[in-house]
Amino acid sequence: MSIHVLATEDKTNGRLYDVEANNLKLKLLFTWHSLGRTAVWRLRVEQVLDALLFPEEVVTGHFNRFIAHKRHNDHIVRAVYEYNMTIPVILTVYYPSAERYFEGGGKFADKILP
């Protein structure tokens, strides 16, 4: 389970990441808002990518969006995303208490990686 950022490109609505994970190459777009929230919570983009690509669970959010969960100690990285065509677009990120949102793992409403 390794993740490598191959390249980034700034776009009008965010930063496009070219990533390789488990020998698969894919693109993900982080909105400027999601990158700002990543910084506010003092997370690294790699931590968010780990939650998105190797989640412990993915639940359905409002407006048919998906929320990837990955635990870190007593907290979880929650990454809210949707698809624009085939590219996952990360809308926001936060780092709440795992007790509040974690449902127990193993539930996947979606998976970015097969």
PDB file of N, CA and C in Angstrom:
ATOM      1  N   MET A   1       0.838  -1.181   0.000  1.00  0.00           N
ATOM      2  CA  MET A   1       0.000   0.000   0.000  1.00  0.00           C
ATOM      3  C   MET A   1       0.880   1.240   0.000  1.00  0.00           C
ATOM      4  N   SER A   2       1.421   1.528  -1.144  1.00  0.00           N
ATOM      5  CA  SER A   2       2.263   2.709  -1.240  1.00  0.00           C
ATOM      6  C   SER A   2       1.629   3.716  -2.181  1.00  0.00           C
ATOM      7  N   ILE A   3       1.867   4.968  -1.883  1.00  0.00           N
ATOM      8  CA  ILE A   3       1.326   6.065  -2.681  1.00  0.00           C
ATOM      9  C   ILE A   3       2.478   6.967  -3.077  1.00  0.00           C
ATOM     10  N   HIS A   4       2.547   7.290  -4.362  1.00  0.00           N
ATOM     11  CA  HIS A   4       3.567   8.207  -4.857  1.00  0.00           C
ATOM     12  C   HIS A   4       2.894   9.305  -5.661  1.00  0.00           C
ATOM     13  N   VAL A   5       3.171  10.546  -5.308  1.00  0.00           N
ATOM     14  CA  VAL A   5       2.683  11.673  -6.091  1.00  0.00           C
ATOM     15  C   VAL A   5       3.671  11.866  -7.233  1.00  0.00           C
ATOM     16  N   LEU A   6       3.194  11.684  -8.444  1.00  0.00           N
ATOM     17  CA  LEU A   6       4.053  11.780  -9.621  1.00  0.00           C
ATOM     18  C   LEU A   6       4.175  13.215 -10.115  1.00  0.00           C
ATOM     19  N   ALA A   7       3.074  13.967 -10.029  1.00  0.00           N
ATOM     20  CA  ALA A   7       3.068  15.352 -10.510  1.00  0.00           C
ATOM     21  C   ALA A   7       1.839  16.061  -9.965  1.00  0.00           C
ATOM     22  N   THR A   8       1.910  17.381  -9.945  1.00  0.00           N
ATOM     23  CA  THR A   8       0.747  18.196  -9.589  1.00  0.00           C
ATOM     24  C   THR A   8       0.612  19.299 -10.627  1.00  0.00           C
ATOM     25  N   GLU A   9      -0.613  19.766 -10.797  1.00  0.00           N
ATOM     26  CA  GLU A   9      -0.867  20.859 -11.723  1.00  0.00           C
ATOM     27  C   GLU A   9      -1.978  21.728 -11.149  1.00  0.00           C
ATOM     28  N   ASP A  10      -1.701  23.013 -10.986  1.00  0.00           N
ATOM     29  CA  ASP A  10      -2.709  23.925 -10.479  1.00  0.00           C
ATOM     30  C   ASP A  10      -3.744  24.221 -11.549  1.00  0.00           C
ATOM     31  N   LYS A  11      -4.995  24.125 -11.160  1.00  0.00           N
ATOM     32  CA  LYS A  11      -6.130  24.412 -12.031  1.00  0.00           C
ATOM     33  C   LYS A  11      -6.914  25.566 -11.407  1.00  0.00           C
ATOM     34  N   THR A  12      -7.918  26.057 -12.102  1.00  0.00           N
ATOM     35  CA  THR A  12      -8.733  27.150 -11.591  1.00  0.00           C
ATOM     36  C   THR A  12      -9.412  26.778 -10.276  1.00  0.00           C
ATOM     37  N   ASN A  13      -9.953  25.562 -10.204  1.00  0.00           N
ATOM     38  CA  ASN A  13     -10.724  25.166  -9.027  1.00  0.00           C
ATOM     39  C   ASN A  13      -9.959  24.305  -8.025  1.00  0.00           C
ATOM     40  N   GLY A  14      -8.675  24.057  -8.261  1.00  0.00           N
ATOM     41  CA  GLY A  14      -7.913  23.265  -7.303  1.00  0.00           C
ATOM     42  C   GLY A  14      -6.607  22.770  -7.886  1.00  0.00           C
ATOM     43  N   ARG A  15      -6.040  21.764  -7.240  1.00  0.00           N
ATOM     44  CA  ARG A  15      -4.761  21.193  -7.667  1.00  0.00           C
ATOM     45  C   ARG A  15      -4.984  19.742  -8.072  1.00  0.00           C
ATOM     46  N   LEU A  16      -4.600  19.434  -9.297  1.00  0.00           N
ATOM     47  CA  LEU A  16      -4.728  18.090  -9.840  1.00  0.00           C
ATOM     48  C   LEU A  16      -3.482  17.294  -9.474  1.00  0.00           C
ATOM     49  N   TYR A  17      -3.697  16.139  -8.872  1.00  0.00           N
ATOM     50  CA  TYR A  17      -2.604  15.247  -8.471  1.00  0.00           C
ATOM     51  C   TYR A  17      -2.581  14.033  -9.382  1.00  0.00           C
ATOM     52  N   ASP A  18      -1.418  13.745  -9.951  1.00  0.00           N
ATOM     53  CA  ASP A  18      -1.172  12.478 -10.635  1.00  0.00           C
ATOM     54  C   ASP A  18      -0.517  11.578  -9.609  1.00  0.00           C
ATOM     55  N   VAL A  19      -1.144  10.452  -9.350  1.00  0.00           N
ATOM     56  CA  VAL A  19      -0.719   9.585  -8.254  1.00  0.00           C
ATOM     57  C   VAL A  19      -0.559   8.163  -8.763  1.00  0.00           C
ATOM     58  N   GLU A  20       0.408   7.466  -8.185  1.00  0.00           N
ATOM     59  CA  GLU A  20       0.543   6.037  -8.412  1.00  0.00           C
ATOM     60  C   GLU A  20       0.347   5.337  -7.079  1.00  0.00           C
ATOM     61  N   ALA A  21      -0.557   4.362  -7.071  1.00  0.00           N
ATOM     62  CA  ALA A  21      -0.833   3.588  -5.860  1.00  0.00           C
ATOM     63  C   ALA A  21      -1.049   2.144  -6.261  1.00  0.00           C
ATOM     64  N   ASN A  22      -0.318   1.257  -5.636  1.00  0.00           N
ATOM     65  CA  ASN A  22      -0.419  -0.178  -5.960  1.00  0.00           C
ATOM     66  C   ASN A  22      -0.286  -0.427  -7.464  1.00  0.00           C
ATOM     67  N   ASN A  23       0.678   0.232  -8.066  1.00  0.00           N
ATOM     68  CA  ASN A  23       0.989   0.085  -9.491  1.00  0.00           C
ATOM     69  C   ASN A  23      -0.118   0.559 -10.437  1.00  0.00           C
ATOM     70  N   LEU A  24      -1.055   1.345  -9.920  1.00  0.00           N
ATOM     71  CA  LEU A  24      -2.090   1.956 -10.742  1.00  0.00           C
ATOM     72  C   LEU A  24      -1.873   3.463 -10.747  1.00  0.00           C
ATOM     73  N   LYS A  25      -2.058   4.088 -11.904  1.00  0.00           N
ATOM     74  CA  LYS A  25      -1.933   5.538 -11.998  1.00  0.00           C
ATOM     75  C   LYS A  25      -3.325   6.144 -12.097  1.00  0.00           C
ATOM     76  N   LEU A  26      -3.534   7.222 -11.354  1.00  0.00           N
ATOM     77  CA  LEU A  26      -4.812   7.891 -11.385  1.00  0.00           C
ATOM     78  C   LEU A  26      -4.644   9.378 -11.097  1.00  0.00           C
ATOM     79  N   LYS A  27      -5.691  10.119 -11.380  1.00  0.00           N
ATOM     80  CA  LYS A  27      -5.721  11.555 -11.127  1.00  0.00           C
ATOM     81  C   LYS A  27      -6.797  11.840 -10.092  1.00  0.00           C
ATOM     82  N   LEU A  28      -6.485  12.783  -9.185  1.00  0.00           N
ATOM     83  CA  LEU A  28      -7.442  13.259  -8.203  1.00  0.00           C
ATOM     84  C   LEU A  28      -7.329  14.775  -8.144  1.00  0.00           C
ATOM     85  N   LEU A  29      -8.458  15.440  -8.028  1.00  0.00           N
ATOM     86  CA  LEU A  29      -8.457  16.893  -7.922  1.00  0.00           C
ATOM     87  C   LEU A  29      -8.832  17.298  -6.504  1.00  0.00           C
ATOM     88  N   PHE A  30      -7.924  17.993  -5.847  1.00  0.00           N
ATOM     89  CA  PHE A  30      -8.201  18.576  -4.538  1.00  0.00           C
ATOM     90  C   PHE A  30      -8.663  20.013  -4.783  1.00  0.00           C
ATOM     91  N   THR A  31      -9.861  20.357  -4.340  1.00  0.00           N
ATOM     92  CA  THR A  31     -10.289  21.749  -4.460  1.00  0.00           C
ATOM     93  C   THR A  31      -9.403  22.602  -3.568  1.00  0.00           C
ATOM     94  N   TRP A  32      -9.372  23.895  -3.861  1.00  0.00           N
ATOM     95  CA  TRP A  32      -8.592  24.807  -3.009  1.00  0.00           C
ATOM     96  C   TRP A  32      -9.122  24.760  -1.580  1.00  0.00           C
ATOM     97  N   HIS A  33     -10.438  24.628  -1.431  1.00  0.00           N
ATOM     98  CA  HIS A  33     -11.016  24.535  -0.090  1.00  0.00           C
ATOM     99  C   HIS A  33     -10.477  23.310   0.657  1.00  0.00           C
ATOM    100  N   SER A  34     -10.447  22.155  -0.019  1.00  0.00           N
ATOM    101  CA  SER A  34      -9.970  20.940   0.651  1.00  0.00           C
ATOM    102  C   SER A  34      -8.498  21.046   1.041  1.00  0.00           C
ATOM    103  N   LEU A  35      -7.698  21.694   0.212  1.00  0.00           N
ATOM    104  CA  LEU A  35      -6.283  21.883   0.564  1.00  0.00           C
ATOM    105  C   LEU A  35      -6.145  22.828   1.756  1.00  0.00           C
ATOM    106  N   GLY A  36      -6.990  23.846   1.795  1.00  0.00           N
ATOM    107  CA  GLY A  36      -6.988  24.747   2.949  1.00  0.00           C
ATOM    108  C   GLY A  36      -7.383  24.036   4.228  1.00  0.00           C
ATOM    109  N   ARG A  37      -8.395  23.185   4.151  1.00  0.00           N
ATOM    110  CA  ARG A  37      -8.835  22.429   5.330  1.00  0.00           C
ATOM    111  C   ARG A  37      -7.765  21.416   5.757  1.00  0.00           C
ATOM    112  N   THR A  38      -7.074  20.847   4.798  1.00  0.00           N
ATOM    113  CA  THR A  38      -5.974  19.930   5.118  1.00  0.00           C
ATOM    114  C   THR A  38      -4.929  20.660   5.944  1.00  0.00           C
ATOM    115  N   ALA A  39      -4.614  21.879   5.555  1.00  0.00           N
ATOM    116  CA  ALA A  39      -3.634  22.690   6.302  1.00  0.00           C
ATOM    117  C   ALA A  39      -4.164  23.081   7.677  1.00  0.00           C
ATOM    118  N   VAL A  40      -5.419  23.473   7.763  1.00  0.00           N
ATOM    119  CA  VAL A  40      -6.019  23.866   9.045  1.00  0.00           C
ATOM    120  C   VAL A  40      -5.914  22.724  10.053  1.00  0.00           C
ATOM    121  N   TRP A  41      -6.164  21.519   9.601  1.00  0.00           N
ATOM    122  CA  TRP A  41      -6.112  20.353  10.484  1.00  0.00           C
ATOM    123  C   TRP A  41      -4.691  19.806  10.643  1.00  0.00           C
ATOM    124  N   ARG A  42      -3.719  20.470  10.025  1.00  0.00           N
ATOM    125  CA  ARG A  42      -2.304  20.071  10.096  1.00  0.00           C
ATOM    126  C   ARG A  42      -2.080  18.644   9.611  1.00  0.00           C
ATOM    127  N   LEU A  43      -2.796  18.309   8.556  1.00  0.00           N
ATOM    128  CA  LEU A  43      -2.613  17.017   7.909  1.00  0.00           C
ATOM    129  C   LEU A  43      -1.718  17.202   6.697  1.00  0.00           C
ATOM    130  N   ARG A  44      -1.094  16.131   6.273  1.00  0.00           N
ATOM    131  CA  ARG A  44      -0.338  16.141   5.027  1.00  0.00           C
ATOM    132  C   ARG A  44      -1.240  15.613   3.912  1.00  0.00           C
ATOM    133  N   VAL A  45      -1.012  16.060   2.712  1.00  0.00           N
ATOM    134  CA  VAL A  45      -1.793  15.576   1.571  1.00  0.00           C
ATOM    135  C   VAL A  45      -1.679  14.054   1.478  1.00  0.00           C
ATOM    136  N   GLU A  46      -0.524  13.514   1.808  1.00  0.00           N
ATOM    137  CA  GLU A  46      -0.327  12.062   1.755  1.00  0.00           C
ATOM    138  C   GLU A  46      -1.269  11.339   2.724  1.00  0.00           C
ATOM    139  N   GLN A  47      -1.558  11.935   3.868  1.00  0.00           N
ATOM    140  CA  GLN A  47      -2.497  11.326   4.810  1.00  0.00           C
ATOM    141  C   GLN A  47      -3.908  11.296   4.217  1.00  0.00           C
ATOM    142  N   VAL A  48      -4.269  12.364   3.548  1.00  0.00           N
ATOM    143  CA  VAL A  48      -5.583  12.424   2.916  1.00  0.00           C
ATOM    144  C   VAL A  48      -5.650  11.426   1.757  1.00  0.00           C
ATOM    145  N   LEU A  49      -4.593  11.351   0.966  1.00  0.00           N
ATOM    146  CA  LEU A  49      -4.549  10.372  -0.124  1.00  0.00           C
ATOM    147  C   LEU A  49      -4.671   8.952   0.425  1.00  0.00           C
ATOM    148  N   ASP A  50      -4.022   8.679   1.538  1.00  0.00           N
ATOM    149  CA  ASP A  50      -4.110   7.360   2.155  1.00  0.00           C
ATOM    150  C   ASP A  50      -5.552   7.047   2.548  1.00  0.00           C
ATOM    151  N   ALA A  51      -6.247   8.021   3.123  1.00  0.00           N
ATOM    152  CA  ALA A  51      -7.648   7.820   3.505  1.00  0.00           C
ATOM    153  C   ALA A  51      -8.523   7.597   2.273  1.00  0.00           C
ATOM    154  N   LEU A  52      -8.241   8.299   1.200  1.00  0.00           N
ATOM    155  CA  LEU A  52      -9.037   8.167  -0.022  1.00  0.00           C
ATOM    156  C   LEU A  52      -8.783   6.856  -0.751  1.00  0.00           C
ATOM    157  N   LEU A  53      -7.534   6.468  -0.844  1.00  0.00           N
ATOM    158  CA  LEU A  53      -7.179   5.304  -1.653  1.00  0.00           C
ATOM    159  C   LEU A  53      -7.191   3.993  -0.878  1.00  0.00           C
ATOM    160  N   PHE A  54      -6.969   4.068   0.422  1.00  0.00           N
ATOM    161  CA  PHE A  54      -6.961   2.867   1.269  1.00  0.00           C
ATOM    162  C   PHE A  54      -7.825   3.100   2.505  1.00  0.00           C
ATOM    163  N   PRO A  55      -9.101   3.419   2.317  1.00  0.00           N
ATOM    164  CA  PRO A  55      -9.964   3.733   3.452  1.00  0.00           C
ATOM    165  C   PRO A  55     -10.311   2.491   4.270  1.00  0.00           C
ATOM    166  N   GLU A  56     -10.687   2.735   5.514  1.00  0.00           N
ATOM    167  CA  GLU A  56     -11.212   1.645   6.334  1.00  0.00           C
ATOM    168  C   GLU A  56     -12.702   1.474   6.084  1.00  0.00           C
ATOM    169  N   GLU A  57     -13.352   2.574   5.671  1.00  0.00           N
ATOM    170  CA  GLU A  57     -14.754   2.525   5.280  1.00  0.00           C
ATOM    171  C   GLU A  57     -15.058   3.761   4.442  1.00  0.00           C
ATOM    172  N   VAL A  58     -16.100   3.657   3.627  1.00  0.00           N
ATOM    173  CA  VAL A  58     -16.580   4.784   2.837  1.00  0.00           C
ATOM    174  C   VAL A  58     -18.092   4.810   2.999  1.00  0.00           C
ATOM    175  N   VAL A  59     -18.599   5.950   3.480  1.00  0.00           N
ATOM    176  CA  VAL A  59     -20.036   6.099   3.692  1.00  0.00           C
ATOM    177  C   VAL A  59     -20.591   7.121   2.703  1.00  0.00           C
ATOM    178  N   THR A  60     -21.895   7.109   2.540  1.00  0.00           N
ATOM    179  CA  THR A  60     -22.546   8.062   1.657  1.00  0.00           C
ATOM    180  C   THR A  60     -22.885   9.316   2.444  1.00  0.00           C
ATOM    181  N   GLY A  61     -22.589  10.473   1.854  1.00  0.00           N
ATOM    182  CA  GLY A  61     -22.893  11.753   2.476  1.00  0.00           C
ATOM    183  C   GLY A  61     -24.049  12.428   1.766  1.00  0.00           C
ATOM    184  N   HIS A  62     -24.237  13.707   2.036  1.00  0.00           N
ATOM    185  CA  HIS A  62     -25.287  14.486   1.393  1.00  0.00           C
ATOM    186  C   HIS A  62     -25.031  14.599  -0.108  1.00  0.00           C
ATOM    187  N   PHE A  63     -26.101  14.727  -0.871  1.00  0.00           N
ATOM    188  CA  PHE A  63     -26.041  14.937  -2.320  1.00  0.00           C
ATOM    189  C   PHE A  63     -25.284  13.817  -3.034  1.00  0.00           C
ATOM    190  N   ASN A  64     -25.384  12.588  -2.504  1.00  0.00           N
ATOM    191  CA  ASN A  64     -24.730  11.410  -3.086  1.00  0.00           C
ATOM    192  C   ASN A  64     -23.213  11.534  -3.157  1.00  0.00           C
ATOM    193  N   ARG A  65     -22.657  12.279  -2.245  1.00  0.00           N
ATOM    194  CA  ARG A  65     -21.200  12.345  -2.139  1.00  0.00           C
ATOM    195  C   ARG A  65     -20.728  11.190  -1.279  1.00  0.00           C
ATOM    196  N   PHE A  66     -19.424  10.950  -1.300  1.00  0.00           N
ATOM    197  CA  PHE A  66     -18.844   9.875  -0.519  1.00  0.00           C
ATOM    198  C   PHE A  66     -17.896  10.451   0.517  1.00  0.00           C
ATOM    199  N   ILE A  67     -17.753   9.739   1.636  1.00  0.00           N
ATOM    200  CA  ILE A  67     -16.864  10.175   2.709  1.00  0.00           C
ATOM    201  C   ILE A  67     -15.965   9.003   3.080  1.00  0.00           C
ATOM    202  N   ALA A  68     -14.683   9.159   2.789  1.00  0.00           N
ATOM    203  CA  ALA A  68     -13.696   8.124   3.110  1.00  0.00           C
ATOM    204  C   ALA A  68     -13.192   8.350   4.525  1.00  0.00           C
ATOM    205  N   HIS A  69     -13.094   7.270   5.280  1.00  0.00           N
ATOM    206  CA  HIS A  69     -12.622   7.325   6.672  1.00  0.00           C
ATOM    207  C   HIS A  69     -11.341   6.511   6.830  1.00  0.00           C
ATOM    208  N   LYS A  70     -10.399   7.085   7.558  1.00  0.00           N
ATOM    209  CA  LYS A  70      -9.182   6.356   7.936  1.00  0.00           C
ATOM    210  C   LYS A  70      -8.809   6.808   9.336  1.00  0.00           C
ATOM    211  N   ARG A  71      -8.715   5.869  10.266  1.00  0.00           N
ATOM    212  CA  ARG A  71      -8.403   6.210  11.660  1.00  0.00           C
ATOM    213  C   ARG A  71      -6.927   6.555  11.853  1.00  0.00           C
ATOM    214  N   HIS A  72      -6.700   7.516  12.728  1.00  0.00           N
ATOM    215  CA  HIS A  72      -5.373   7.895  13.204  1.00  0.00           C
ATOM    216  C   HIS A  72      -5.520   8.160  14.694  1.00  0.00           C
ATOM    217  N   ASN A  73      -5.072   7.203  15.488  1.00  0.00           N
ATOM    218  CA  ASN A  73      -5.228   7.281  16.941  1.00  0.00           C
ATOM    219  C   ASN A  73      -6.712   7.435  17.277  1.00  0.00           C
ATOM    220  N   ASP A  74      -7.094   8.479  18.018  1.00  0.00           N
ATOM    221  CA  ASP A  74      -8.489   8.669  18.421  1.00  0.00           C
ATOM    222  C   ASP A  74      -9.291   9.498  17.424  1.00  0.00           C
ATOM    223  N   HIS A  75      -8.688   9.841  16.310  1.00  0.00           N
ATOM    224  CA  HIS A  75      -9.353  10.668  15.299  1.00  0.00           C
ATOM    225  C   HIS A  75      -9.452   9.912  13.976  1.00  0.00           C
ATOM    226  N   ILE A  76     -10.187  10.493  13.038  1.00  0.00           N
ATOM    227  CA  ILE A  76     -10.235   9.934  11.688  1.00  0.00           C
ATOM    228  C   ILE A  76     -10.054  11.063  10.684  1.00  0.00           C
ATOM    229  N   VAL A  77      -9.389  10.722   9.599  1.00  0.00           N
ATOM    230  CA  VAL A  77      -9.369  11.615   8.444  1.00  0.00           C
ATOM    231  C   VAL A  77     -10.677  11.333   7.720  1.00  0.00           C
ATOM    232  N   ARG A  78     -11.476  12.376   7.532  1.00  0.00           N
ATOM    233  CA  ARG A  78     -12.723  12.285   6.764  1.00  0.00           C
ATOM    234  C   ARG A  78     -12.538  13.114   5.513  1.00  0.00           C
ATOM    235  N   ALA A  79     -12.543  12.471   4.374  1.00  0.00           N
ATOM    236  CA  ALA A  79     -12.361  13.148   3.098  1.00  0.00           C
ATOM    237  C   ALA A  79     -13.650  13.007   2.289  1.00  0.00           C
ATOM    238  N   VAL A  80     -14.293  14.136   2.038  1.00  0.00           N
ATOM    239  CA  VAL A  80     -15.553  14.157   1.302  1.00  0.00           C
ATOM    240  C   VAL A  80     -15.233  14.374  -0.177  1.00  0.00           C
ATOM    241  N   TYR A  81     -15.769  13.480  -1.021  1.00  0.00           N
ATOM    242  CA  TYR A  81     -15.462  13.584  -2.452  1.00  0.00           C
ATOM    243  C   TYR A  81     -16.662  13.194  -3.302  1.00  0.00           C
ATOM    244  N   GLU A  82     -16.582  13.596  -4.562  1.00  0.00           N
ATOM    245  CA  GLU A  82     -17.550  13.212  -5.573  1.00  0.00           C
ATOM    246  C   GLU A  82     -16.782  13.029  -6.868  1.00  0.00           C
ATOM    247  N   TYR A  83     -17.469  12.638  -7.900  1.00  0.00           N
ATOM    248  CA  TYR A  83     -16.803  12.431  -9.185  1.00  0.00           C
ATOM    249  C   TYR A  83     -17.216  13.501 -10.180  1.00  0.00           C
ATOM    250  N   ASN A  84     -16.224  14.017 -10.894  1.00  0.00           N
ATOM    251  CA  ASN A  84     -16.460  14.882 -12.044  1.00  0.00           C
ATOM    252  C   ASN A  84     -16.016  14.055 -13.234  1.00  0.00           C
ATOM    253  N   MET A  85     -16.986  13.503 -13.950  1.00  0.00           N
ATOM    254  CA  MET A  85     -16.731  12.489 -14.971  1.00  0.00           C
ATOM    255  C   MET A  85     -16.126  11.280 -14.259  1.00  0.00           C
ATOM    256  N   THR A  86     -14.859  10.988 -14.458  1.00  0.00           N
ATOM    257  CA  THR A  86     -14.242   9.833 -13.791  1.00  0.00           C
ATOM    258  C   THR A  86     -13.208  10.243 -12.755  1.00  0.00           C
ATOM    259  N   ILE A  87     -12.985  11.527 -12.602  1.00  0.00           N
ATOM    260  CA  ILE A  87     -11.948  11.999 -11.674  1.00  0.00           C
ATOM    261  C   ILE A  87     -12.563  12.284 -10.305  1.00  0.00           C
ATOM    262  N   PRO A  88     -12.020  11.673  -9.239  1.00  0.00           N
ATOM    263  CA  PRO A  88     -12.474  12.011  -7.901  1.00  0.00           C
ATOM    264  C   PRO A  88     -12.083  13.462  -7.570  1.00  0.00           C
ATOM    265  N   VAL A  89     -13.042  14.204  -7.042  1.00  0.00           N
ATOM    266  CA  VAL A  89     -12.821  15.592  -6.645  1.00  0.00           C
ATOM    267  C   VAL A  89     -13.013  15.665  -5.142  1.00  0.00           C
ATOM    268  N   ILE A  90     -11.945  16.017  -4.418  1.00  0.00           N
ATOM    269  CA  ILE A  90     -11.999  16.097  -2.972  1.00  0.00           C
ATOM    270  C   ILE A  90     -12.512  17.485  -2.617  1.00  0.00           C
ATOM    271  N   LEU A  91     -13.662  17.514  -1.941  1.00  0.00           N
ATOM    272  CA  LEU A  91     -14.348  18.766  -1.662  1.00  0.00           C
ATOM    273  C   LEU A  91     -13.927  19.383  -0.338  1.00  0.00           C
ATOM    274  N   THR A  92     -13.787  18.546   0.684  1.00  0.00           N
ATOM    275  CA  THR A  92     -13.372  19.044   1.990  1.00  0.00           C
ATOM    276  C   THR A  92     -12.757  17.903   2.786  1.00  0.00           C
ATOM    277  N   VAL A  93     -12.017  18.275   3.805  1.00  0.00           N
ATOM    278  CA  VAL A  93     -11.318  17.322   4.662  1.00  0.00           C
ATOM    279  C   VAL A  93     -11.453  17.815   6.096  1.00  0.00           C
ATOM    280  N   TYR A  94     -11.689  16.884   7.003  1.00  0.00           N
ATOM    281  CA  TYR A  94     -11.613  17.251   8.411  1.00  0.00           C
ATOM    282  C   TYR A  94     -11.146  16.078   9.239  1.00  0.00           C
ATOM    283  N   TYR A  95     -10.897  16.344  10.522  1.00  0.00           N
ATOM    284  CA  TYR A  95     -10.184  15.409  11.391  1.00  0.00           C
ATOM    285  C   TYR A  95     -10.880  15.324  12.750  1.00  0.00           C
ATOM    286  N   PRO A  96     -12.114  14.811  12.772  1.00  0.00           N
ATOM    287  CA  PRO A  96     -12.862  14.748  14.022  1.00  0.00           C
ATOM    288  C   PRO A  96     -12.499  13.520  14.851  1.00  0.00           C
ATOM    289  N   SER A  97     -13.131  13.424  15.993  1.00  0.00           N
ATOM    290  CA  SER A  97     -12.997  12.260  16.846  1.00  0.00           C
ATOM    291  C   SER A  97     -13.555  11.038  16.122  1.00  0.00           C
ATOM    292  N   ALA A  98     -12.829   9.951  16.167  1.00  0.00           N
ATOM    293  CA  ALA A  98     -13.286   8.711  15.518  1.00  0.00           C
ATOM    294  C   ALA A  98     -14.577   8.223  16.154  1.00  0.00           C
ATOM    295  N   GLU A  99     -14.713   8.448  17.434  1.00  0.00           N
ATOM    296  CA  GLU A  99     -15.900   8.001  18.164  1.00  0.00           C
ATOM    297  C   GLU A  99     -17.188   8.575  17.566  1.00  0.00           C
ATOM    298  N   ARG A 100     -17.093   9.776  17.028  1.00  0.00           N
ATOM    299  CA  ARG A 100     -18.275  10.444  16.508  1.00  0.00           C
ATOM    300  C   ARG A 100     -18.742   9.882  15.160  1.00  0.00           C
ATOM    301  N   TYR A 101     -17.825   9.513  14.283  1.00  0.00           N
ATOM    302  CA  TYR A 101     -18.196   9.171  12.909  1.00  0.00           C
ATOM    303  C   TYR A 101     -17.849   7.754  12.456  1.00  0.00           C
ATOM    304  N   PHE A 102     -16.849   7.143  13.052  1.00  0.00           N
ATOM    305  CA  PHE A 102     -16.397   5.841  12.560  1.00  0.00           C
ATOM    306  C   PHE A 102     -17.452   4.786  12.852  1.00  0.00           C
ATOM    307  N   GLU A 103     -17.866   4.062  11.817  1.00  0.00           N
ATOM    308  CA  GLU A 103     -18.953   3.097  11.958  1.00  0.00           C
ATOM    309  C   GLU A 103     -18.473   1.674  12.192  1.00  0.00           C
ATOM    310  N   GLY A 104     -17.188   1.454  12.174  1.00  0.00           N
ATOM    311  CA  GLY A 104     -16.675   0.122  12.482  1.00  0.00           C
ATOM    312  C   GLY A 104     -15.832  -0.505  11.382  1.00  0.00           C
ATOM    313  N   GLY A 105     -15.773   0.134  10.228  1.00  0.00           N
ATOM    314  CA  GLY A 105     -14.926  -0.361   9.155  1.00  0.00           C
ATOM    315  C   GLY A 105     -15.581  -1.444   8.319  1.00  0.00           C
ATOM    316  N   GLY A 106     -15.036  -1.621   7.126  1.00  0.00           N
ATOM    317  CA  GLY A 106     -15.486  -2.679   6.243  1.00  0.00           C
ATOM    318  C   GLY A 106     -16.713  -2.359   5.405  1.00  0.00           C
ATOM    319  N   LYS A 107     -17.278  -1.179   5.568  1.00  0.00           N
ATOM    320  CA  LYS A 107     -18.446  -0.751   4.778  1.00  0.00           C
ATOM    321  C   LYS A 107     -17.958   0.174   3.661  1.00  0.00           C
ATOM    322  N   PHE A 108     -18.295  -0.157   2.419  1.00  0.00           N
ATOM    323  CA  PHE A 108     -17.785   0.642   1.295  1.00  0.00           C
ATOM    324  C   PHE A 108     -18.922   1.012   0.345  1.00  0.00           C
ATOM    325  N   ALA A 109     -19.388   2.251   0.443  1.00  0.00           N
ATOM    326  CA  ALA A 109     -20.383   2.766  -0.498  1.00  0.00           C
ATOM    327  C   ALA A 109     -19.716   3.052  -1.844  1.00  0.00           C
ATOM    328  N   ASP A 110     -18.384   3.174  -1.847  1.00  0.00           N
ATOM    329  CA  ASP A 110     -17.610   3.462  -3.050  1.00  0.00           C
ATOM    330  C   ASP A 110     -16.160   3.108  -2.758  1.00  0.00           C
ATOM    331  N   LYS A 111     -15.398   2.886  -3.800  1.00  0.00           N
ATOM    332  CA  LYS A 111     -13.957   2.713  -3.672  1.00  0.00           C
ATOM    333  C   LYS A 111     -13.304   3.357  -4.889  1.00  0.00           C
ATOM    334  N   ILE A 112     -12.352   4.228  -4.654  1.00  0.00           N
ATOM    335  CA  ILE A 112     -11.640   4.864  -5.759  1.00  0.00           C
ATOM    336  C   ILE A 112     -10.741   3.831  -6.449  1.00  0.00           C
ATOM    337  N   LEU A 113     -10.034   3.046  -5.643  1.00  0.00           N
ATOM    338  CA  LEU A 113      -9.213   1.965  -6.202  1.00  0.00           C
ATOM    339  C   LEU A 113     -10.013   0.672  -6.163  1.00  0.00           C
ATOM    340  N   PRO A 114      -9.883  -0.148  -7.178  1.00  0.00           N
ATOM    341  CA  PRO A 114     -10.616  -1.436  -7.177  1.00  0.00           C
ATOM    342  C   PRO A 114     -10.091  -2.376  -6.102  1.00  0.00           C
TER     343      PRO A 114
END
